[in-house]
Each structure stands twice: as C-alpha cells, then as structure tokens.
C-alpha cells in the first residue's frame, strides 16, 4: 500500500466519525479541546448539528442551574453561555449580514461592509431584535420547564449552515466559509437529517419549528443570492441566529 493509499484509508475511515465531530467543535466553538493541525474539510459539515447538541446541552445545564433566580435571568444566562462557547461568531455574522445586505448600494460595497469589523445601525438593530426574540421565547420555555428545547434548537439551527454552503456559491472567494469549501450534498443531507431528528422528537411542535426555519432560511438565501451573489460565513452565522429565534418562538407558542 502506497503512502497516498494510506492517507485515503485514514480519510475514509474517519469520515462521518468522531474526527468530524471534534473538527466541528473546533470550528464552531471555543471549547477547550486538544490542539490539532487537522483542518476539518467540507464533508465534516454533517457534524455541525452535533456540535450544536454539545453547545445546547451545556447551555441548558446553565439554565437549569440558574432557574431558581428566575426564568428571565436563566434565559439571559443561557444566551450568554452560548455566546461564550461559540465566541459569539454567529451573533457577529448576524450583525455583519444585516449591515452589509441593507447598508450597501451594490454587491462590492455590501461585501466590503460585511468584512468591516465595525458594527452599524442595521447590525445593532438585528442583534437587539433577534436577541430579544430569543430571550423572550427562552423565558417562556424555561418557565414551562421545557429546558430541553434549548438542546433541540441548538442542533436544528446549525443544519441550515451546511445547506447554504452546499446550495450557494461563495460570494467573496475568501474568508472562513471559503476556507471550509463547498459542502457536499450528502454531508448537508446528513446535517439536515440530524437536525430534523432532533426537532421531530417534539412531535407537531417540532415539525412546525422546522417549517418556520425552512421559510426563514429560504428567504435569507434568496436575499443573499440577489444582493451579493451567494453565501459567506456571515450569512451562515445569520442563518443560525434567525433559525434559533423562529424555532424557539414556535416551540414557546406550542409547548
């Protein structure tokens, strides 16, 4: 067996395995993990909802522990814990997306705004409105004792990122999304299956949450395609935040 054959064997044996999960956690979180020189490829995108399960479980634990302080305080701490674990990368993507898509007058200007580290009025309003929606829904869910919804939604909301990176071209040709590469359809399909599986455990409420996510992500994808010609890491981050907001809202209304 040649060296190339051995490399291919390692790649194939680790595909859809624990290596992809740890790679997803390194990419999407700031959790303390053993250092590695291995950069997760696009086929590892199937594990992004699994990384969401980890983040959601830890955040739900924070919420349960803090619940004696009141549901509102616990919900705020859940949001804070999630942001700390992910380095607020999805929140940053949400702000940059709204600043860029609605603050620029042409494709080049929109992409330049999204790359700028400064935050504008559209970004502030997006963080404020989406954050309030998430907090309000979480408060209602924690009041009802439905802490497990945090775990389910954390998985469901990360599946659209894989779908966007499979369905749309990279608009910038640089950045995190470009470095990851075009996600294979199979990997995106597995990510969707995991997200769906987590949501449908909740029955009709989970099904309605999935429908709400599909509508919101489809609208975001169409807007991004029209305004900048595809997806970026910021667009993917925005999809997670918007998906989480609508899914939590639907579950809060139905559970």
C-alpha atoms as a PDB file:
ATOM      1  CA  UNK A   1       0.000   0.000   0.000  1.00  0.00           C
ATOM      2  CA  UNK A   2       1.375   3.396  -1.007  1.00  0.00           C
ATOM      3  CA  UNK A   3       1.515   6.454   1.240  1.00  0.00           C
ATOM      4  CA  UNK A   4      -1.316   8.017  -0.750  1.00  0.00           C
ATOM      5  CA  UNK A   5      -3.406   4.880  -0.278  1.00  0.00           C
ATOM      6  CA  UNK A   6      -2.802   5.015   3.460  1.00  0.00           C
ATOM      7  CA  UNK A   7      -3.839   8.665   3.574  1.00  0.00           C
ATOM      8  CA  UNK A   8      -7.011   7.858   1.662  1.00  0.00           C
ATOM      9  CA  UNK A   9      -7.754   4.975   4.012  1.00  0.00           C
ATOM     10  CA  UNK A  10      -7.440   7.241   7.026  1.00  0.00           C
ATOM     11  CA  UNK A  11      -9.680   9.832   5.387  1.00  0.00           C
ATOM     12  CA  UNK A  12     -12.346   7.289   4.516  1.00  0.00           C
ATOM     13  CA  UNK A  13     -12.277   5.567   7.896  1.00  0.00           C
ATOM     14  CA  UNK A  14     -12.656   8.857   9.772  1.00  0.00           C
ATOM     15  CA  UNK A  15     -15.425  10.169   7.576  1.00  0.00           C
ATOM     16  CA  UNK A  16     -18.700  10.569   9.455  1.00  0.00           C
ATOM     17  CA  UNK A  17     -16.845   9.643  12.642  1.00  0.00           C
ATOM     18  CA  UNK A  18     -15.600  11.193  15.847  1.00  0.00           C
ATOM     19  CA  UNK A  19     -12.910  13.110  13.970  1.00  0.00           C
ATOM     20  CA  UNK A  20     -15.589  15.114  12.161  1.00  0.00           C
ATOM     21  CA  UNK A  21     -17.342  15.854  15.444  1.00  0.00           C
ATOM     22  CA  UNK A  22     -14.193  17.176  17.125  1.00  0.00           C
ATOM     23  CA  UNK A  23     -13.417  19.129  13.950  1.00  0.00           C
ATOM     24  CA  UNK A  24     -16.892  20.702  14.054  1.00  0.00           C
ATOM     25  CA  UNK A  25     -16.408  21.633  17.698  1.00  0.00           C
ATOM     26  CA  UNK A  26     -13.054  23.250  16.905  1.00  0.00           C
ATOM     27  CA  UNK A  27     -14.575  25.192  14.026  1.00  0.00           C
ATOM     28  CA  UNK A  28     -17.811  26.333  15.660  1.00  0.00           C
ATOM     29  CA  UNK A  29     -16.901  26.660  19.340  1.00  0.00           C
ATOM     30  CA  UNK A  30     -14.209  27.911  21.686  1.00  0.00           C
ATOM     31  CA  UNK A  31     -14.454  24.871  23.935  1.00  0.00           C
ATOM     32  CA  UNK A  32     -11.096  23.633  25.283  1.00  0.00           C
ATOM     33  CA  UNK A  33     -10.145  20.750  23.020  1.00  0.00           C
ATOM     34  CA  UNK A  34      -6.789  19.096  22.335  1.00  0.00           C
ATOM     35  CA  UNK A  35      -4.806  21.028  19.749  1.00  0.00           C
ATOM     36  CA  UNK A  36      -4.785  19.625  16.226  1.00  0.00           C
ATOM     37  CA  UNK A  37      -3.199  20.553  12.915  1.00  0.00           C
ATOM     38  CA  UNK A  38      -6.035  18.856  11.035  1.00  0.00           C
ATOM     39  CA  UNK A  39      -8.426  21.326   9.404  1.00  0.00           C
ATOM     40  CA  UNK A  40     -11.933  19.863   9.031  1.00  0.00           C
ATOM     41  CA  UNK A  41     -12.949  19.582   5.396  1.00  0.00           C
ATOM     42  CA  UNK A  42     -16.364  20.437   3.967  1.00  0.00           C
ATOM     43  CA  UNK A  43     -17.550  16.830   4.311  1.00  0.00           C
ATOM     44  CA  UNK A  44     -17.385  17.305   8.091  1.00  0.00           C
ATOM     45  CA  UNK A  45     -20.298  19.762   7.897  1.00  0.00           C
ATOM     46  CA  UNK A  46     -22.660  16.901   8.715  1.00  0.00           C
ATOM     47  CA  UNK A  47     -21.406  17.172  12.317  1.00  0.00           C
ATOM     48  CA  UNK A  48     -22.329  20.835  12.802  1.00  0.00           C
ATOM     49  CA  UNK A  49     -25.720  19.938  14.372  1.00  0.00           C
ATOM     50  CA  UNK A  50     -23.859  17.512  16.657  1.00  0.00           C
ATOM     51  CA  UNK A  51     -21.671  20.401  17.797  1.00  0.00           C
ATOM     52  CA  UNK A  52     -24.943  22.232  18.392  1.00  0.00           C
ATOM     53  CA  UNK A  53     -26.120  19.409  20.635  1.00  0.00           C
ATOM     54  CA  UNK A  54     -22.998  19.843  22.757  1.00  0.00           C
ATOM     55  CA  UNK A  55     -23.389  23.628  22.975  1.00  0.00           C
ATOM     56  CA  UNK A  56     -27.113  23.329  23.641  1.00  0.00           C
ATOM     57  CA  UNK A  57     -26.665  20.716  26.359  1.00  0.00           C
ATOM     58  CA  UNK A  58     -24.117  22.809  28.243  1.00  0.00           C
ATOM     59  CA  UNK A  59     -26.241  25.944  27.870  1.00  0.00           C
ATOM     60  CA  UNK A  60     -29.364  24.093  29.037  1.00  0.00           C
ATOM     61  CA  UNK A  61     -27.444  22.941  32.106  1.00  0.00           C
ATOM     62  CA  UNK A  62     -26.619  26.570  32.878  1.00  0.00           C
ATOM     63  CA  UNK A  63     -30.302  27.423  32.510  1.00  0.00           C
ATOM     64  CA  UNK A  64     -31.450  24.665  34.844  1.00  0.00           C
ATOM     65  CA  UNK A  65     -28.904  25.647  37.496  1.00  0.00           C
ATOM     66  CA  UNK A  66     -29.874  29.326  37.231  1.00  0.00           C
ATOM     67  CA  UNK A  67     -33.650  28.738  37.158  1.00  0.00           C
ATOM     68  CA  UNK A  68     -34.098  29.457  40.908  1.00  0.00           C
ATOM     69  CA  UNK A  69     -33.012  33.028  40.086  1.00  0.00           C
ATOM     70  CA  UNK A  70     -35.988  33.397  37.784  1.00  0.00           C
ATOM     71  CA  UNK A  71     -36.759  32.282  34.232  1.00  0.00           C
ATOM     72  CA  UNK A  72     -35.736  35.633  32.746  1.00  0.00           C
ATOM     73  CA  UNK A  73     -32.333  35.579  34.408  1.00  0.00           C
ATOM     74  CA  UNK A  74     -31.828  31.935  33.458  1.00  0.00           C
ATOM     75  CA  UNK A  75     -32.719  32.689  29.826  1.00  0.00           C
ATOM     76  CA  UNK A  76     -30.211  35.540  29.736  1.00  0.00           C
ATOM     77  CA  UNK A  77     -27.509  33.272  31.147  1.00  0.00           C
ATOM     78  CA  UNK A  78     -28.328  30.602  28.557  1.00  0.00           C
ATOM     79  CA  UNK A  79     -27.787  33.149  25.789  1.00  0.00           C
ATOM     80  CA  UNK A  80     -24.585  34.336  27.422  1.00  0.00           C
ATOM     81  CA  UNK A  81     -23.279  30.791  27.809  1.00  0.00           C
ATOM     82  CA  UNK A  82     -23.954  30.031  24.157  1.00  0.00           C
ATOM     83  CA  UNK A  83     -22.171  33.200  23.046  1.00  0.00           C
ATOM     84  CA  UNK A  84     -19.166  32.407  25.230  1.00  0.00           C
ATOM     85  CA  UNK A  85     -18.927  28.840  23.945  1.00  0.00           C
ATOM     86  CA  UNK A  86     -19.095  29.908  20.305  1.00  0.00           C
ATOM     87  CA  UNK A  87     -17.075  33.100  20.611  1.00  0.00           C
ATOM     88  CA  UNK A  88     -20.276  34.926  19.546  1.00  0.00           C
ATOM     89  CA  UNK A  89     -19.368  34.038  15.952  1.00  0.00           C
ATOM     90  CA  UNK A  90     -22.991  33.553  14.917  1.00  0.00           C
ATOM     91  CA  UNK A  91     -24.070  36.829  16.515  1.00  0.00           C
ATOM     92  CA  UNK A  92     -21.221  38.547  14.683  1.00  0.00           C
ATOM     93  CA  UNK A  93     -22.427  37.010  11.427  1.00  0.00           C
ATOM     94  CA  UNK A  94     -25.956  38.229  12.067  1.00  0.00           C
ATOM     95  CA  UNK A  95     -24.805  41.806  12.630  1.00  0.00           C
ATOM     96  CA  UNK A  96     -22.484  41.829   9.621  1.00  0.00           C
ATOM     97  CA  UNK A  97     -25.172  40.317   7.402  1.00  0.00           C
ATOM     98  CA  UNK A  98     -27.746  42.988   8.178  1.00  0.00           C
ATOM     99  CA  UNK A  99     -25.197  45.783   7.965  1.00  0.00           C
ATOM    100  CA  UNK A 100     -23.984  44.548   4.592  1.00  0.00           C
ATOM    101  CA  UNK A 101     -27.176  43.439   2.864  1.00  0.00           C
ATOM    102  CA  UNK A 102     -29.100  46.598   3.797  1.00  0.00           C
ATOM    103  CA  UNK A 103     -26.302  49.121   4.276  1.00  0.00           C
ATOM    104  CA  UNK A 104     -24.640  48.842   0.865  1.00  0.00           C
ATOM    105  CA  UNK A 105     -25.844  50.037  -2.527  1.00  0.00           C
ATOM    106  CA  UNK A 106     -24.099  47.429  -4.695  1.00  0.00           C
ATOM    107  CA  UNK A 107     -22.512  43.984  -4.370  1.00  0.00           C
ATOM    108  CA  UNK A 108     -18.964  45.214  -3.848  1.00  0.00           C
ATOM    109  CA  UNK A 109     -19.976  47.713  -1.184  1.00  0.00           C
ATOM    110  CA  UNK A 110     -22.138  45.167   0.642  1.00  0.00           C
ATOM    111  CA  UNK A 111     -19.280  42.666   0.805  1.00  0.00           C
ATOM    112  CA  UNK A 112     -16.903  45.386   1.992  1.00  0.00           C
ATOM    113  CA  UNK A 113     -19.288  46.360   4.791  1.00  0.00           C
ATOM    114  CA  UNK A 114     -19.687  42.726   5.849  1.00  0.00           C
ATOM    115  CA  UNK A 115     -15.917  42.378   6.070  1.00  0.00           C
ATOM    116  CA  UNK A 116     -15.542  45.544   8.163  1.00  0.00           C
ATOM    117  CA  UNK A 117     -15.204  44.821  11.889  1.00  0.00           C
ATOM    118  CA  UNK A 118     -17.245  47.890  12.827  1.00  0.00           C
ATOM    119  CA  UNK A 119     -20.954  47.485  13.532  1.00  0.00           C
ATOM    120  CA  UNK A 120     -23.626  49.745  12.070  1.00  0.00           C
ATOM    121  CA  UNK A 121     -27.229  50.614  12.816  1.00  0.00           C
ATOM    122  CA  UNK A 122     -28.688  47.653  10.939  1.00  0.00           C
ATOM    123  CA  UNK A 123     -26.390  45.270  12.776  1.00  0.00           C
ATOM    124  CA  UNK A 124     -27.260  46.746  16.174  1.00  0.00           C
ATOM    125  CA  UNK A 125     -30.979  46.502  15.445  1.00  0.00           C
ATOM    126  CA  UNK A 126     -30.636  42.913  14.233  1.00  0.00           C
ATOM    127  CA  UNK A 127     -28.794  41.882  17.396  1.00  0.00           C
ATOM    128  CA  UNK A 128     -31.320  43.713  19.560  1.00  0.00           C
ATOM    129  CA  UNK A 129     -34.468  42.366  17.896  1.00  0.00           C
ATOM    130  CA  UNK A 130     -33.262  38.786  17.384  1.00  0.00           C
ATOM    131  CA  UNK A 131     -31.734  38.729  20.857  1.00  0.00           C
ATOM    132  CA  UNK A 132     -34.998  39.897  22.429  1.00  0.00           C
ATOM    133  CA  UNK A 133     -36.967  37.288  20.495  1.00  0.00           C
ATOM    134  CA  UNK A 134     -34.611  34.541  21.641  1.00  0.00           C
ATOM    135  CA  UNK A 135     -34.680  35.756  25.250  1.00  0.00           C
ATOM    136  CA  UNK A 136     -38.481  36.073  25.339  1.00  0.00           C
ATOM    137  CA  UNK A 137     -39.012  32.600  23.894  1.00  0.00           C
ATOM    138  CA  UNK A 138     -36.410  31.059  26.188  1.00  0.00           C
ATOM    139  CA  UNK A 139     -38.009  32.714  29.225  1.00  0.00           C
ATOM    140  CA  UNK A 140     -41.363  31.183  28.320  1.00  0.00           C
ATOM    141  CA  UNK A 141     -39.846  27.758  27.700  1.00  0.00           C
ATOM    142  CA  UNK A 142     -37.860  27.742  30.932  1.00  0.00           C
ATOM    143  CA  UNK A 143     -40.930  28.905  32.845  1.00  0.00           C
ATOM    144  CA  UNK A 144     -42.720  25.838  31.453  1.00  0.00           C
ATOM    145  CA  UNK A 145     -39.803  23.612  32.393  1.00  0.00           C
ATOM    146  CA  UNK A 146     -39.000  22.884  28.731  1.00  0.00           C
ATOM    147  CA  UNK A 147     -35.235  23.299  29.105  1.00  0.00           C
ATOM    148  CA  UNK A 148     -34.608  20.516  26.601  1.00  0.00           C
ATOM    149  CA  UNK A 149     -35.870  22.824  23.842  1.00  0.00           C
ATOM    150  CA  UNK A 150     -32.516  24.607  24.112  1.00  0.00           C
ATOM    151  CA  UNK A 151     -30.739  21.383  23.117  1.00  0.00           C
ATOM    152  CA  UNK A 152     -33.095  20.586  20.243  1.00  0.00           C
ATOM    153  CA  UNK A 153     -32.969  24.066  18.732  1.00  0.00           C
ATOM    154  CA  UNK A 154     -29.187  24.274  19.067  1.00  0.00           C
ATOM    155  CA  UNK A 155     -28.926  21.226  16.793  1.00  0.00           C
ATOM    156  CA  UNK A 156     -31.687  22.234  14.387  1.00  0.00           C
ATOM    157  CA  UNK A 157     -30.378  25.777  13.897  1.00  0.00           C
ATOM    158  CA  UNK A 158     -26.941  24.617  12.732  1.00  0.00           C
ATOM    159  CA  UNK A 159     -28.188  22.401   9.897  1.00  0.00           C
ATOM    160  CA  UNK A 160     -29.065  25.366   7.614  1.00  0.00           C
ATOM    161  CA  UNK A 161     -25.422  26.469   7.581  1.00  0.00           C
ATOM    162  CA  UNK A 162     -24.464  23.238   5.831  1.00  0.00           C
ATOM    163  CA  UNK A 163     -27.378  23.579   3.407  1.00  0.00           C
ATOM    164  CA  UNK A 164     -26.437  27.147   2.449  1.00  0.00           C
ATOM    165  CA  UNK A 165     -22.812  26.165   1.864  1.00  0.00           C
ATOM    166  CA  UNK A 166     -23.935  23.278  -0.324  1.00  0.00           C
ATOM    167  CA  UNK A 167     -26.572  25.153  -2.300  1.00  0.00           C
ATOM    168  CA  UNK A 168     -24.987  28.581  -2.844  1.00  0.00           C
ATOM    169  CA  UNK A 169     -21.600  29.628  -4.212  1.00  0.00           C
ATOM    170  CA  UNK A 170     -19.240  31.575  -2.003  1.00  0.00           C
ATOM    171  CA  UNK A 171     -19.840  35.254  -2.715  1.00  0.00           C
ATOM    172  CA  UNK A 172     -16.459  36.574  -1.627  1.00  0.00           C
ATOM    173  CA  UNK A 173     -13.899  33.941  -2.615  1.00  0.00           C
ATOM    174  CA  UNK A 174     -12.197  34.373   0.760  1.00  0.00           C
ATOM    175  CA  UNK A 175     -12.938  34.076   4.465  1.00  0.00           C
ATOM    176  CA  UNK A 176     -13.980  31.239   6.748  1.00  0.00           C
ATOM    177  CA  UNK A 177     -16.689  29.827   4.501  1.00  0.00           C
ATOM    178  CA  UNK A 178     -14.331  29.770   1.534  1.00  0.00           C
ATOM    179  CA  UNK A 179     -11.583  28.081   3.574  1.00  0.00           C
ATOM    180  CA  UNK A 180     -14.001  25.326   4.596  1.00  0.00           C
ATOM    181  CA  UNK A 181     -15.023  24.749   0.980  1.00  0.00           C
ATOM    182  CA  UNK A 182     -18.220  23.734  -0.810  1.00  0.00           C
ATOM    183  CA  UNK A 183     -20.152  21.323   1.389  1.00  0.00           C
ATOM    184  CA  UNK A 184     -21.082  18.067  -0.409  1.00  0.00           C
ATOM    185  CA  UNK A 185     -24.793  17.407  -0.824  1.00  0.00           C
ATOM    186  CA  UNK A 186     -24.516  14.182   1.172  1.00  0.00           C
ATOM    187  CA  UNK A 187     -22.940  15.950   4.159  1.00  0.00           C
ATOM    188  CA  UNK A 188     -25.626  18.637   4.049  1.00  0.00           C
ATOM    189  CA  UNK A 189     -28.285  15.927   3.863  1.00  0.00           C
ATOM    190  CA  UNK A 190     -26.911  14.175   6.940  1.00  0.00           C
ATOM    191  CA  UNK A 191     -26.833  17.503   8.801  1.00  0.00           C
ATOM    192  CA  UNK A 192     -30.473  18.083   7.886  1.00  0.00           C
ATOM    193  CA  UNK A 193     -31.390  14.565   8.993  1.00  0.00           C
ATOM    194  CA  UNK A 194     -29.781  15.130  12.399  1.00  0.00           C
ATOM    195  CA  UNK A 195     -31.492  18.490  12.827  1.00  0.00           C
ATOM    196  CA  UNK A 196     -34.839  17.050  11.741  1.00  0.00           C
ATOM    197  CA  UNK A 197     -34.421  14.045  14.000  1.00  0.00           C
ATOM    198  CA  UNK A 198     -33.809  16.286  16.991  1.00  0.00           C
ATOM    199  CA  UNK A 199     -36.793  18.509  16.211  1.00  0.00           C
ATOM    200  CA  UNK A 200     -39.286  15.784  15.348  1.00  0.00           C
ATOM    201  CA  UNK A 201     -38.789  14.189  18.757  1.00  0.00           C
ATOM    202  CA  UNK A 202     -41.082  17.025  19.880  1.00  0.00           C
ATOM    203  CA  UNK A 203     -43.874  15.920  17.542  1.00  0.00           C
ATOM    204  CA  UNK A 204     -46.141  18.538  15.977  1.00  0.00           C
ATOM    205  CA  UNK A 205     -44.370  21.418  17.714  1.00  0.00           C
ATOM    206  CA  UNK A 206     -41.034  20.260  16.333  1.00  0.00           C
ATOM    207  CA  UNK A 207     -42.498  19.888  12.848  1.00  0.00           C
ATOM    208  CA  UNK A 208     -43.847  23.444  12.915  1.00  0.00           C
ATOM    209  CA  UNK A 209     -40.481  24.700  14.148  1.00  0.00           C
ATOM    210  CA  UNK A 210     -38.811  23.009  11.174  1.00  0.00           C
ATOM    211  CA  UNK A 211     -41.256  24.639   8.748  1.00  0.00           C
ATOM    212  CA  UNK A 212     -40.566  28.053  10.271  1.00  0.00           C
ATOM    213  CA  UNK A 213     -36.822  27.500   9.893  1.00  0.00           C
ATOM    214  CA  UNK A 214     -37.234  26.467   6.247  1.00  0.00           C
ATOM    215  CA  UNK A 215     -39.182  29.641   5.440  1.00  0.00           C
ATOM    216  CA  UNK A 216     -36.712  31.962   7.168  1.00  0.00           C
ATOM    217  CA  UNK A 217     -33.601  30.317   5.706  1.00  0.00           C
ATOM    218  CA  UNK A 218     -35.126  30.252   2.217  1.00  0.00           C
ATOM    219  CA  UNK A 219     -35.825  33.979   2.485  1.00  0.00           C
ATOM    220  CA  UNK A 220     -32.285  34.658   3.713  1.00  0.00           C
ATOM    221  CA  UNK A 221     -30.787  32.545   0.907  1.00  0.00           C
ATOM    222  CA  UNK A 222     -32.829  34.311  -1.761  1.00  0.00           C
ATOM    223  CA  UNK A 223     -31.874  37.727  -0.385  1.00  0.00           C
ATOM    224  CA  UNK A 224     -28.177  36.842  -0.187  1.00  0.00           C
ATOM    225  CA  UNK A 225     -28.209  35.444  -3.712  1.00  0.00           C
ATOM    226  CA  UNK A 226     -29.855  38.585  -5.061  1.00  0.00           C
ATOM    227  CA  UNK A 227     -27.716  41.096  -3.158  1.00  0.00           C
ATOM    228  CA  UNK A 228     -24.232  39.536  -3.052  1.00  0.00           C
ATOM    229  CA  UNK A 229     -24.432  36.508  -5.353  1.00  0.00           C
ATOM    230  CA  UNK A 230     -24.194  33.746  -2.750  1.00  0.00           C
ATOM    231  CA  UNK A 231     -23.247  32.905   0.803  1.00  0.00           C
ATOM    232  CA  UNK A 232     -20.455  33.926   3.166  1.00  0.00           C
ATOM    233  CA  UNK A 233     -19.554  32.902   6.695  1.00  0.00           C
ATOM    234  CA  UNK A 234     -21.596  35.857   7.924  1.00  0.00           C
ATOM    235  CA  UNK A 235     -24.670  34.662   6.023  1.00  0.00           C
ATOM    236  CA  UNK A 236     -24.263  31.217   7.558  1.00  0.00           C
ATOM    237  CA  UNK A 237     -23.959  32.719  11.021  1.00  0.00           C
ATOM    238  CA  UNK A 238     -27.082  34.775  10.444  1.00  0.00           C
ATOM    239  CA  UNK A 239     -28.946  31.639   9.374  1.00  0.00           C
ATOM    240  CA  UNK A 240     -28.157  30.028  12.734  1.00  0.00           C
ATOM    241  CA  UNK A 241     -29.357  33.014  14.732  1.00  0.00           C
ATOM    242  CA  UNK A 242     -32.544  33.507  12.726  1.00  0.00           C
ATOM    243  CA  UNK A 243     -33.300  29.777  12.774  1.00  0.00           C
ATOM    244  CA  UNK A 244     -32.852  29.663  16.536  1.00  0.00           C
ATOM    245  CA  UNK A 245     -35.101  32.671  17.043  1.00  0.00           C
ATOM    246  CA  UNK A 246     -38.014  31.353  14.974  1.00  0.00           C
ATOM    247  CA  UNK A 247     -37.712  27.778  16.252  1.00  0.00           C
ATOM    248  CA  UNK A 248     -37.681  28.866  19.890  1.00  0.00           C
ATOM    249  CA  UNK A 249     -40.654  31.155  19.219  1.00  0.00           C
ATOM    250  CA  UNK A 250     -42.713  28.372  17.652  1.00  0.00           C
ATOM    251  CA  UNK A 251     -41.889  25.955  20.456  1.00  0.00           C
ATOM    252  CA  UNK A 252     -42.712  28.556  23.101  1.00  0.00           C
ATOM    253  CA  UNK A 253     -46.096  29.137  21.467  1.00  0.00           C
ATOM    254  CA  UNK A 254     -46.964  25.452  21.147  1.00  0.00           C
ATOM    255  CA  UNK A 255     -45.460  23.715  24.175  1.00  0.00           C
END
